[in-house]
Amino acid sequence: MTLTLTTLPDVPLVSPGDDLGGFLIAAIERAGIVPQTRDILVVAQKVVSKAEGRFVDLRQVVPSARAEKLAVAVDKDPRLVEVILSQSTEVVAHRRGAIVVAHKLGFVMANAGVDQSNVDQTDGDTNVLLLPEDPDGWCEALRQRLLAHFDVEMAVVMNDSFGRAWRHGTVGVAIGTAGLPALLDCVGEPDLFGRKLRITQIGLADEVAAAASLLMGQAAEGQPAVLMRGLSWSRPPVPASTLIRAKAEDMFR
C-alpha cells in the first residue's frame, strides 16, 4: 500500500466572503493534479472560518459577571472569556492559562476553538476567530462542488488542532467530513489469531487529519489544503460528528 500527501500550492490568503471552493479547485488544477475516486481533500478549519467571516472584535464584547470571574481564575482577557463562553455549553475544567469546554458543536476542546493565531490584526490585537457554523455540512457542500467540477467522487475532511488531556502536544483531528466513514467500528471482527475484537473503533478521519497536519504545520507554513491519495475503505460514509463521545460515556467528565 502506498499513501501520498500533496500540498496544494499558492492558495491565496482568505477573507470573509471569498470563494474558498473556487480557490481550492484552482489550486488542484494549478498543481497539475487530476483527481481520482477516493482522493481526500483535507482543508484547514481556519481558512473555512475566515471565508465564513467568523471573526469577533473583542472591542465590541461586553463581558458578563461570569466571564469576569472566570477570567481572574484563568488569567485571560474577560472579553475573550465571554466569547469562549458564548460558544460553549459547559465549562469542563479550567486552570490558569487554560479553559476546557464543551463546544456547541459537541467537541470538548480548549477555549472553544476561539483563536488568534494566524489571524490578521489590522488594528491592535483584538480579532479572534470562531469555528465554522457547520463543519460536516461545509465538507458535504465542497464534496458536491468537487464532484460537479471534476466528475469524481472525492472525500473532504476539515481538520483542526486539538490538545489532549493525557499527552503533550497538539495533533490534527477531523471536525468535519464528507464522503468517507469518519469512524470505523471493528467490534466483532477477528484479529490475527481469530479472537473477536470487543471494543476497537478506528477514528479514520482523525488519522487522515493528523497525517495532513504534518504538511500543513501549526505556524507560518501557509499550507491550508492537502490532497491525500491511496487510502481505501469499504464502509459507507459517516460524518465527523460520530467521533464525538457522548457525555454519559466520557470517563473524564
C-alpha atoms as a PDB file:
ATOM      1  CA  MET A   1       0.000   0.000   0.000  1.00  0.00           C
ATOM      2  CA  THR A   2       1.220   3.484  -0.837  1.00  0.00           C
ATOM      3  CA  LEU A   3      -0.226   6.680   0.593  1.00  0.00           C
ATOM      4  CA  THR A   4       0.708  10.080  -0.830  1.00  0.00           C
ATOM      5  CA  LEU A   5       0.005  13.550   0.531  1.00  0.00           C
ATOM      6  CA  THR A   6       0.442  16.660  -1.594  1.00  0.00           C
ATOM      7  CA  THR A   7       0.058  20.275  -0.506  1.00  0.00           C
ATOM      8  CA  LEU A   8      -1.955  22.455  -2.855  1.00  0.00           C
ATOM      9  CA  PRO A   9       0.244  25.359  -3.981  1.00  0.00           C
ATOM     10  CA  ASP A  10      -0.427  29.073  -3.723  1.00  0.00           C
ATOM     11  CA  VAL A  11      -3.833  29.047  -2.051  1.00  0.00           C
ATOM     12  CA  PRO A  12      -4.464  32.776  -1.503  1.00  0.00           C
ATOM     13  CA  LEU A  13      -4.977  34.315   1.911  1.00  0.00           C
ATOM     14  CA  VAL A  14      -8.692  34.012   2.613  1.00  0.00           C
ATOM     15  CA  SER A  15     -11.007  36.866   3.580  1.00  0.00           C
ATOM     16  CA  PRO A  16     -14.706  36.901   4.515  1.00  0.00           C
ATOM     17  CA  GLY A  17     -16.919  36.158   1.540  1.00  0.00           C
ATOM     18  CA  ASP A  18     -14.154  34.648  -0.601  1.00  0.00           C
ATOM     19  CA  ASP A  19     -14.981  31.662  -2.798  1.00  0.00           C
ATOM     20  CA  LEU A  20     -12.834  29.151  -0.943  1.00  0.00           C
ATOM     21  CA  GLY A  21     -14.154  26.266  -3.005  1.00  0.00           C
ATOM     22  CA  GLY A  22     -13.061  28.084  -6.159  1.00  0.00           C
ATOM     23  CA  PHE A  23      -9.648  28.755  -4.624  1.00  0.00           C
ATOM     24  CA  LEU A  24      -9.202  25.047  -3.866  1.00  0.00           C
ATOM     25  CA  ILE A  25     -10.345  23.860  -7.308  1.00  0.00           C
ATOM     26  CA  ALA A  26      -7.948  26.322  -8.930  1.00  0.00           C
ATOM     27  CA  ALA A  27      -5.117  25.114  -6.677  1.00  0.00           C
ATOM     28  CA  ILE A  28      -5.757  21.484  -7.637  1.00  0.00           C
ATOM     29  CA  GLU A  29      -5.607  22.391 -11.319  1.00  0.00           C
ATOM     30  CA  ARG A  30      -2.572  24.632 -10.834  1.00  0.00           C
ATOM     31  CA  ALA A  31      -0.746  21.688  -9.241  1.00  0.00           C
ATOM     32  CA  GLY A  32      -1.476  19.559 -12.297  1.00  0.00           C
ATOM     33  CA  ILE A  33      -3.424  17.076 -10.162  1.00  0.00           C
ATOM     34  CA  VAL A  34      -6.094  15.038 -11.918  1.00  0.00           C
ATOM     35  CA  PRO A  35      -8.460  13.989  -9.117  1.00  0.00           C
ATOM     36  CA  GLN A  36      -9.231  10.308  -8.720  1.00  0.00           C
ATOM     37  CA  THR A  37     -12.041   8.480  -6.985  1.00  0.00           C
ATOM     38  CA  ARG A  38     -11.450   8.410  -3.202  1.00  0.00           C
ATOM     39  CA  ASP A  39      -8.876  11.135  -3.206  1.00  0.00           C
ATOM     40  CA  ILE A  40      -9.313  13.059   0.052  1.00  0.00           C
ATOM     41  CA  LEU A  41      -9.048  16.836   0.217  1.00  0.00           C
ATOM     42  CA  VAL A  42      -8.101  17.984   3.721  1.00  0.00           C
ATOM     43  CA  VAL A  43      -8.809  21.653   4.430  1.00  0.00           C
ATOM     44  CA  ALA A  44      -7.725  23.617   7.486  1.00  0.00           C
ATOM     45  CA  GLN A  45     -10.563  24.838   9.702  1.00  0.00           C
ATOM     46  CA  LYS A  46      -9.069  28.314   9.893  1.00  0.00           C
ATOM     47  CA  VAL A  47      -9.491  29.157   6.206  1.00  0.00           C
ATOM     48  CA  VAL A  48     -13.090  27.925   6.307  1.00  0.00           C
ATOM     49  CA  SER A  49     -13.824  30.138   9.310  1.00  0.00           C
ATOM     50  CA  LYS A  50     -12.192  33.101   7.582  1.00  0.00           C
ATOM     51  CA  ALA A  51     -14.249  32.592   4.416  1.00  0.00           C
ATOM     52  CA  GLU A  52     -17.395  32.411   6.555  1.00  0.00           C
ATOM     53  CA  GLY A  53     -16.435  35.654   8.295  1.00  0.00           C
ATOM     54  CA  ARG A  54     -16.376  34.060  11.738  1.00  0.00           C
ATOM     55  CA  PHE A  55     -14.459  36.959  13.265  1.00  0.00           C
ATOM     56  CA  VAL A  56     -15.237  38.708  16.522  1.00  0.00           C
ATOM     57  CA  ASP A  57     -13.659  42.032  17.527  1.00  0.00           C
ATOM     58  CA  LEU A  58     -13.068  41.947  21.279  1.00  0.00           C
ATOM     59  CA  ARG A  59     -13.593  45.707  21.401  1.00  0.00           C
ATOM     60  CA  GLN A  60     -17.274  45.004  20.707  1.00  0.00           C
ATOM     61  CA  VAL A  61     -17.622  42.429  23.509  1.00  0.00           C
ATOM     62  CA  VAL A  62     -19.036  43.275  26.945  1.00  0.00           C
ATOM     63  CA  PRO A  63     -18.043  40.549  29.430  1.00  0.00           C
ATOM     64  CA  SER A  64     -20.639  39.149  31.796  1.00  0.00           C
ATOM     65  CA  ALA A  65     -20.102  38.783  35.539  1.00  0.00           C
ATOM     66  CA  ARG A  66     -19.461  35.069  34.976  1.00  0.00           C
ATOM     67  CA  ALA A  67     -16.799  35.841  32.387  1.00  0.00           C
ATOM     68  CA  GLU A  68     -15.173  38.416  34.660  1.00  0.00           C
ATOM     69  CA  LYS A  69     -14.931  35.895  37.500  1.00  0.00           C
ATOM     70  CA  LEU A  70     -13.582  33.081  35.309  1.00  0.00           C
ATOM     71  CA  ALA A  71     -11.092  35.457  33.667  1.00  0.00           C
ATOM     72  CA  VAL A  72      -9.467  36.103  37.031  1.00  0.00           C
ATOM     73  CA  ALA A  73      -9.094  32.359  37.676  1.00  0.00           C
ATOM     74  CA  VAL A  74      -7.551  31.619  34.265  1.00  0.00           C
ATOM     75  CA  ASP A  75      -5.663  34.911  33.776  1.00  0.00           C
ATOM     76  CA  LYS A  76      -7.285  35.746  30.441  1.00  0.00           C
ATOM     77  CA  ASP A  77      -8.931  38.818  28.934  1.00  0.00           C
ATOM     78  CA  PRO A  78     -12.540  38.845  30.228  1.00  0.00           C
ATOM     79  CA  ARG A  79     -13.757  39.734  26.725  1.00  0.00           C
ATOM     80  CA  LEU A  80     -12.066  36.630  25.316  1.00  0.00           C
ATOM     81  CA  VAL A  81     -13.557  34.511  28.090  1.00  0.00           C
ATOM     82  CA  GLU A  82     -17.006  35.893  27.241  1.00  0.00           C
ATOM     83  CA  VAL A  83     -16.581  34.810  23.613  1.00  0.00           C
ATOM     84  CA  ILE A  84     -15.434  31.358  24.733  1.00  0.00           C
ATOM     85  CA  LEU A  85     -18.493  31.003  26.973  1.00  0.00           C
ATOM     86  CA  SER A  86     -20.774  32.148  24.148  1.00  0.00           C
ATOM     87  CA  GLN A  87     -19.540  29.221  22.034  1.00  0.00           C
ATOM     88  CA  SER A  88     -19.831  26.640  24.826  1.00  0.00           C
ATOM     89  CA  THR A  89     -22.451  24.582  26.584  1.00  0.00           C
ATOM     90  CA  GLU A  90     -20.295  23.631  29.571  1.00  0.00           C
ATOM     91  CA  VAL A  91     -17.002  24.525  31.220  1.00  0.00           C
ATOM     92  CA  VAL A  92     -15.431  21.105  31.740  1.00  0.00           C
ATOM     93  CA  ALA A  93     -12.238  22.210  33.517  1.00  0.00           C
ATOM     94  CA  HIS A  94     -10.090  25.269  33.964  1.00  0.00           C
ATOM     95  CA  ARG A  95      -6.838  26.402  35.470  1.00  0.00           C
ATOM     96  CA  ARG A  96      -4.542  29.378  34.995  1.00  0.00           C
ATOM     97  CA  GLY A  97      -3.973  29.810  31.282  1.00  0.00           C
ATOM     98  CA  ALA A  98      -6.475  27.185  30.129  1.00  0.00           C
ATOM     99  CA  ILE A  99     -10.227  26.671  29.771  1.00  0.00           C
ATOM    100  CA  VAL A 100     -11.561  23.334  28.528  1.00  0.00           C
ATOM    101  CA  VAL A 101     -15.172  23.470  27.386  1.00  0.00           C
ATOM    102  CA  ALA A 102     -17.818  21.506  25.557  1.00  0.00           C
ATOM    103  CA  HIS A 103     -18.380  23.444  22.352  1.00  0.00           C
ATOM    104  CA  LYS A 104     -21.886  23.964  20.989  1.00  0.00           C
ATOM    105  CA  LEU A 105     -20.948  21.578  18.176  1.00  0.00           C
ATOM    106  CA  GLY A 106     -20.132  18.876  20.761  1.00  0.00           C
ATOM    107  CA  PHE A 107     -16.335  18.974  20.748  1.00  0.00           C
ATOM    108  CA  VAL A 108     -14.552  19.008  24.109  1.00  0.00           C
ATOM    109  CA  MET A 109     -11.658  21.354  23.483  1.00  0.00           C
ATOM    110  CA  ALA A 110      -9.553  24.216  24.769  1.00  0.00           C
ATOM    111  CA  ASN A 111     -11.051  27.705  24.536  1.00  0.00           C
ATOM    112  CA  ALA A 112     -13.988  26.552  22.355  1.00  0.00           C
ATOM    113  CA  GLY A 113     -11.637  26.758  19.381  1.00  0.00           C
ATOM    114  CA  VAL A 114     -11.562  30.563  19.693  1.00  0.00           C
ATOM    115  CA  ASP A 115      -8.201  31.503  18.227  1.00  0.00           C
ATOM    116  CA  GLN A 116      -5.961  34.468  17.460  1.00  0.00           C
ATOM    117  CA  SER A 117      -3.047  32.709  15.750  1.00  0.00           C
ATOM    118  CA  ASN A 118      -2.692  33.403  12.025  1.00  0.00           C
ATOM    119  CA  VAL A 119      -5.492  35.968  12.289  1.00  0.00           C
ATOM    120  CA  ASP A 120      -4.846  39.356  10.715  1.00  0.00           C
ATOM    121  CA  GLN A 121      -4.699  42.038  13.389  1.00  0.00           C
ATOM    122  CA  THR A 122      -5.087  45.280  11.448  1.00  0.00           C
ATOM    123  CA  ASP A 123      -5.891  47.432  14.466  1.00  0.00           C
ATOM    124  CA  GLY A 124      -4.439  46.196  17.721  1.00  0.00           C
ATOM    125  CA  ASP A 125      -4.665  42.589  18.857  1.00  0.00           C
ATOM    126  CA  THR A 126      -8.414  42.226  19.261  1.00  0.00           C
ATOM    127  CA  ASN A 127      -9.616  39.985  16.411  1.00  0.00           C
ATOM    128  CA  VAL A 128     -10.499  36.388  17.273  1.00  0.00           C
ATOM    129  CA  LEU A 129     -11.795  33.619  15.047  1.00  0.00           C
ATOM    130  CA  LEU A 130     -14.574  31.112  15.824  1.00  0.00           C
ATOM    131  CA  LEU A 131     -15.125  27.619  14.468  1.00  0.00           C
ATOM    132  CA  PRO A 132     -17.272  27.247  11.335  1.00  0.00           C
ATOM    133  CA  GLU A 133     -21.035  27.062  11.773  1.00  0.00           C
ATOM    134  CA  ASP A 134     -21.470  23.528  10.365  1.00  0.00           C
ATOM    135  CA  PRO A 135     -18.224  21.660   9.600  1.00  0.00           C
ATOM    136  CA  ASP A 136     -19.862  18.467   8.307  1.00  0.00           C
ATOM    137  CA  GLY A 137     -22.276  20.476   6.171  1.00  0.00           C
ATOM    138  CA  TRP A 138     -19.465  22.577   4.724  1.00  0.00           C
ATOM    139  CA  CYS A 139     -17.495  19.452   3.818  1.00  0.00           C
ATOM    140  CA  GLU A 140     -20.504  17.940   2.059  1.00  0.00           C
ATOM    141  CA  ALA A 141     -21.112  21.150   0.106  1.00  0.00           C
ATOM    142  CA  LEU A 142     -17.479  21.196  -1.040  1.00  0.00           C
ATOM    143  CA  ARG A 143     -17.635  17.489  -1.924  1.00  0.00           C
ATOM    144  CA  GLN A 144     -20.628  18.147  -4.149  1.00  0.00           C
ATOM    145  CA  ARG A 145     -18.851  21.042  -5.809  1.00  0.00           C
ATOM    146  CA  LEU A 146     -15.758  18.935  -6.483  1.00  0.00           C
ATOM    147  CA  LEU A 147     -17.982  16.211  -7.940  1.00  0.00           C
ATOM    148  CA  ALA A 148     -19.698  18.701 -10.234  1.00  0.00           C
ATOM    149  CA  HIS A 149     -16.400  20.179 -11.413  1.00  0.00           C
ATOM    150  CA  PHE A 150     -14.182  17.089 -11.758  1.00  0.00           C
ATOM    151  CA  ASP A 151     -16.865  14.376 -12.141  1.00  0.00           C
ATOM    152  CA  VAL A 152     -15.052  12.304  -9.496  1.00  0.00           C
ATOM    153  CA  GLU A 153     -16.267  11.079  -6.095  1.00  0.00           C
ATOM    154  CA  MET A 154     -13.773  12.624  -3.680  1.00  0.00           C
ATOM    155  CA  ALA A 155     -13.914  12.879   0.108  1.00  0.00           C
ATOM    156  CA  VAL A 156     -13.389  16.011   2.189  1.00  0.00           C
ATOM    157  CA  VAL A 157     -12.015  16.404   5.707  1.00  0.00           C
ATOM    158  CA  MET A 158     -11.822  19.631   7.713  1.00  0.00           C
ATOM    159  CA  ASN A 159      -9.063  19.483  10.290  1.00  0.00           C
ATOM    160  CA  ASP A 160      -8.177  21.469  13.376  1.00  0.00           C
ATOM    161  CA  SER A 161      -5.505  21.209  16.059  1.00  0.00           C
ATOM    162  CA  PHE A 162      -6.513  19.742  19.408  1.00  0.00           C
ATOM    163  CA  GLY A 163      -4.567  19.209  22.603  1.00  0.00           C
ATOM    164  CA  ARG A 164      -5.067  16.054  24.638  1.00  0.00           C
ATOM    165  CA  ALA A 165      -5.635  15.764  28.361  1.00  0.00           C
ATOM    166  CA  TRP A 166      -3.281  12.829  28.812  1.00  0.00           C
ATOM    167  CA  ARG A 167      -0.456  13.698  26.350  1.00  0.00           C
ATOM    168  CA  HIS A 168       1.645  16.720  25.473  1.00  0.00           C
ATOM    169  CA  GLY A 169       1.411  18.268  22.021  1.00  0.00           C
ATOM    170  CA  THR A 170      -1.352  19.194  19.625  1.00  0.00           C
ATOM    171  CA  VAL A 171      -2.438  16.921  16.786  1.00  0.00           C
ATOM    172  CA  GLY A 172      -4.703  17.315  13.800  1.00  0.00           C
ATOM    173  CA  VAL A 173      -8.233  15.997  14.242  1.00  0.00           C
ATOM    174  CA  ALA A 174     -11.259  15.952  11.976  1.00  0.00           C
ATOM    175  CA  ILE A 175     -14.060  18.346  12.902  1.00  0.00           C
ATOM    176  CA  GLY A 176     -15.912  17.851   9.626  1.00  0.00           C
ATOM    177  CA  THR A 177     -16.043  15.122   6.974  1.00  0.00           C
ATOM    178  CA  ALA A 178     -17.931  14.067   3.880  1.00  0.00           C
ATOM    179  CA  GLY A 179     -17.589  11.060   1.618  1.00  0.00           C
ATOM    180  CA  LEU A 180     -15.757   8.695   3.986  1.00  0.00           C
ATOM    181  CA  PRO A 181     -16.503   6.787   7.197  1.00  0.00           C
ATOM    182  CA  ALA A 182     -15.153   9.061   9.930  1.00  0.00           C
ATOM    183  CA  LEU A 183     -15.389   6.231  12.468  1.00  0.00           C
ATOM    184  CA  LEU A 184     -14.804   2.541  11.775  1.00  0.00           C
ATOM    185  CA  ASP A 185     -16.396   0.157  14.271  1.00  0.00           C
ATOM    186  CA  CYS A 186     -14.362  -3.051  14.301  1.00  0.00           C
ATOM    187  CA  VAL A 187     -16.232  -4.774  17.119  1.00  0.00           C
ATOM    188  CA  GLY A 188     -16.785  -8.438  16.218  1.00  0.00           C
ATOM    189  CA  GLU A 189     -14.031  -8.574  13.611  1.00  0.00           C
ATOM    190  CA  PRO A 190     -11.287 -11.201  14.128  1.00  0.00           C
ATOM    191  CA  ASP A 191      -7.693 -10.345  14.992  1.00  0.00           C
ATOM    192  CA  LEU A 192      -4.706 -12.225  13.539  1.00  0.00           C
ATOM    193  CA  PHE A 193      -5.472 -15.221  15.741  1.00  0.00           C
ATOM    194  CA  GLY A 194      -9.232 -15.300  15.242  1.00  0.00           C
ATOM    195  CA  ARG A 195     -10.110 -13.620  18.522  1.00  0.00           C
ATOM    196  CA  LYS A 196     -13.029 -11.261  18.042  1.00  0.00           C
ATOM    197  CA  LEU A 197     -12.395  -7.611  18.816  1.00  0.00           C
ATOM    198  CA  ARG A 198     -14.610  -6.327  21.628  1.00  0.00           C
ATOM    199  CA  ILE A 199     -14.159  -2.546  21.789  1.00  0.00           C
ATOM    200  CA  THR A 200     -11.921  -1.469  18.907  1.00  0.00           C
ATOM    201  CA  GLN A 201     -13.017   1.578  16.923  1.00  0.00           C
ATOM    202  CA  ILE A 202     -10.778   3.449  14.489  1.00  0.00           C
ATOM    203  CA  GLY A 203     -11.001   7.216  14.112  1.00  0.00           C
ATOM    204  CA  LEU A 204     -10.246   7.081  10.391  1.00  0.00           C
ATOM    205  CA  ALA A 205     -10.966  10.763   9.772  1.00  0.00           C
ATOM    206  CA  ASP A 206      -8.760  11.806  12.695  1.00  0.00           C
ATOM    207  CA  GLU A 207      -5.881   9.763  11.303  1.00  0.00           C
ATOM    208  CA  VAL A 208      -6.348  11.438   7.909  1.00  0.00           C
ATOM    209  CA  ALA A 209      -6.420  14.854   9.578  1.00  0.00           C
ATOM    210  CA  ALA A 210      -3.278  14.146  11.597  1.00  0.00           C
ATOM    211  CA  ALA A 211      -1.373  12.965   8.523  1.00  0.00           C
ATOM    212  CA  ALA A 212      -2.300  16.128   6.620  1.00  0.00           C
ATOM    213  CA  SER A 213      -1.253  18.281   9.570  1.00  0.00           C
ATOM    214  CA  LEU A 214       2.324  17.084   9.110  1.00  0.00           C
ATOM    215  CA  LEU A 215       2.395  19.123   5.905  1.00  0.00           C
ATOM    216  CA  MET A 216       0.077  21.935   6.949  1.00  0.00           C
ATOM    217  CA  GLY A 217       2.094  22.826  10.044  1.00  0.00           C
ATOM    218  CA  GLN A 218       0.986  24.918  13.012  1.00  0.00           C
ATOM    219  CA  ALA A 219       2.673  28.284  12.491  1.00  0.00           C
ATOM    220  CA  ALA A 220       3.653  30.275   9.385  1.00  0.00           C
ATOM    221  CA  GLU A 221       3.727  27.446   6.851  1.00  0.00           C
ATOM    222  CA  GLY A 222       0.718  28.773   4.924  1.00  0.00           C
ATOM    223  CA  GLN A 223      -0.400  25.349   3.646  1.00  0.00           C
ATOM    224  CA  PRO A 224      -4.159  25.134   4.300  1.00  0.00           C
ATOM    225  CA  ALA A 225      -5.022  22.277   1.938  1.00  0.00           C
ATOM    226  CA  VAL A 226      -3.592  18.810   1.327  1.00  0.00           C
ATOM    227  CA  LEU A 227      -4.685  16.119  -1.111  1.00  0.00           C
ATOM    228  CA  MET A 228      -4.332  12.531   0.083  1.00  0.00           C
ATOM    229  CA  ARG A 229      -4.318   9.606  -2.339  1.00  0.00           C
ATOM    230  CA  GLY A 230      -4.143   5.854  -1.797  1.00  0.00           C
ATOM    231  CA  LEU A 231      -6.425   5.282   1.178  1.00  0.00           C
ATOM    232  CA  SER A 232      -9.224   2.767   0.694  1.00  0.00           C
ATOM    233  CA  TRP A 233     -12.338   1.901   2.660  1.00  0.00           C
ATOM    234  CA  SER A 234     -15.368  -0.325   2.153  1.00  0.00           C
ATOM    235  CA  ARG A 235     -17.938   1.136   4.527  1.00  0.00           C
ATOM    236  CA  PRO A 236     -20.465   3.884   3.833  1.00  0.00           C
ATOM    237  CA  PRO A 237     -19.707   7.482   4.798  1.00  0.00           C
ATOM    238  CA  VAL A 238     -20.487   8.732   8.289  1.00  0.00           C
ATOM    239  CA  PRO A 239     -19.861  12.328   9.433  1.00  0.00           C
ATOM    240  CA  ALA A 240     -17.259  13.614  11.863  1.00  0.00           C
ATOM    241  CA  SER A 241     -19.976  14.157  14.457  1.00  0.00           C
ATOM    242  CA  THR A 242     -19.907  10.386  15.062  1.00  0.00           C
ATOM    243  CA  LEU A 243     -16.416  10.807  16.528  1.00  0.00           C
ATOM    244  CA  ILE A 244     -17.742  12.770  19.499  1.00  0.00           C
ATOM    245  CA  ARG A 245     -18.111  10.665  22.616  1.00  0.00           C
ATOM    246  CA  ALA A 246     -21.401  11.208  24.448  1.00  0.00           C
ATOM    247  CA  LYS A 247     -21.049  12.808  27.857  1.00  0.00           C
ATOM    248  CA  ALA A 248     -22.504   9.710  29.551  1.00  0.00           C
ATOM    249  CA  GLU A 249     -19.648   7.649  28.034  1.00  0.00           C
ATOM    250  CA  ASP A 250     -16.918  10.176  28.859  1.00  0.00           C
ATOM    251  CA  MET A 251     -14.941   8.851  31.829  1.00  0.00           C
ATOM    252  CA  PHE A 252     -13.108  12.170  32.170  1.00  0.00           C
ATOM    253  CA  ARG A 253     -16.309  14.161  32.662  1.00  0.00           C
END
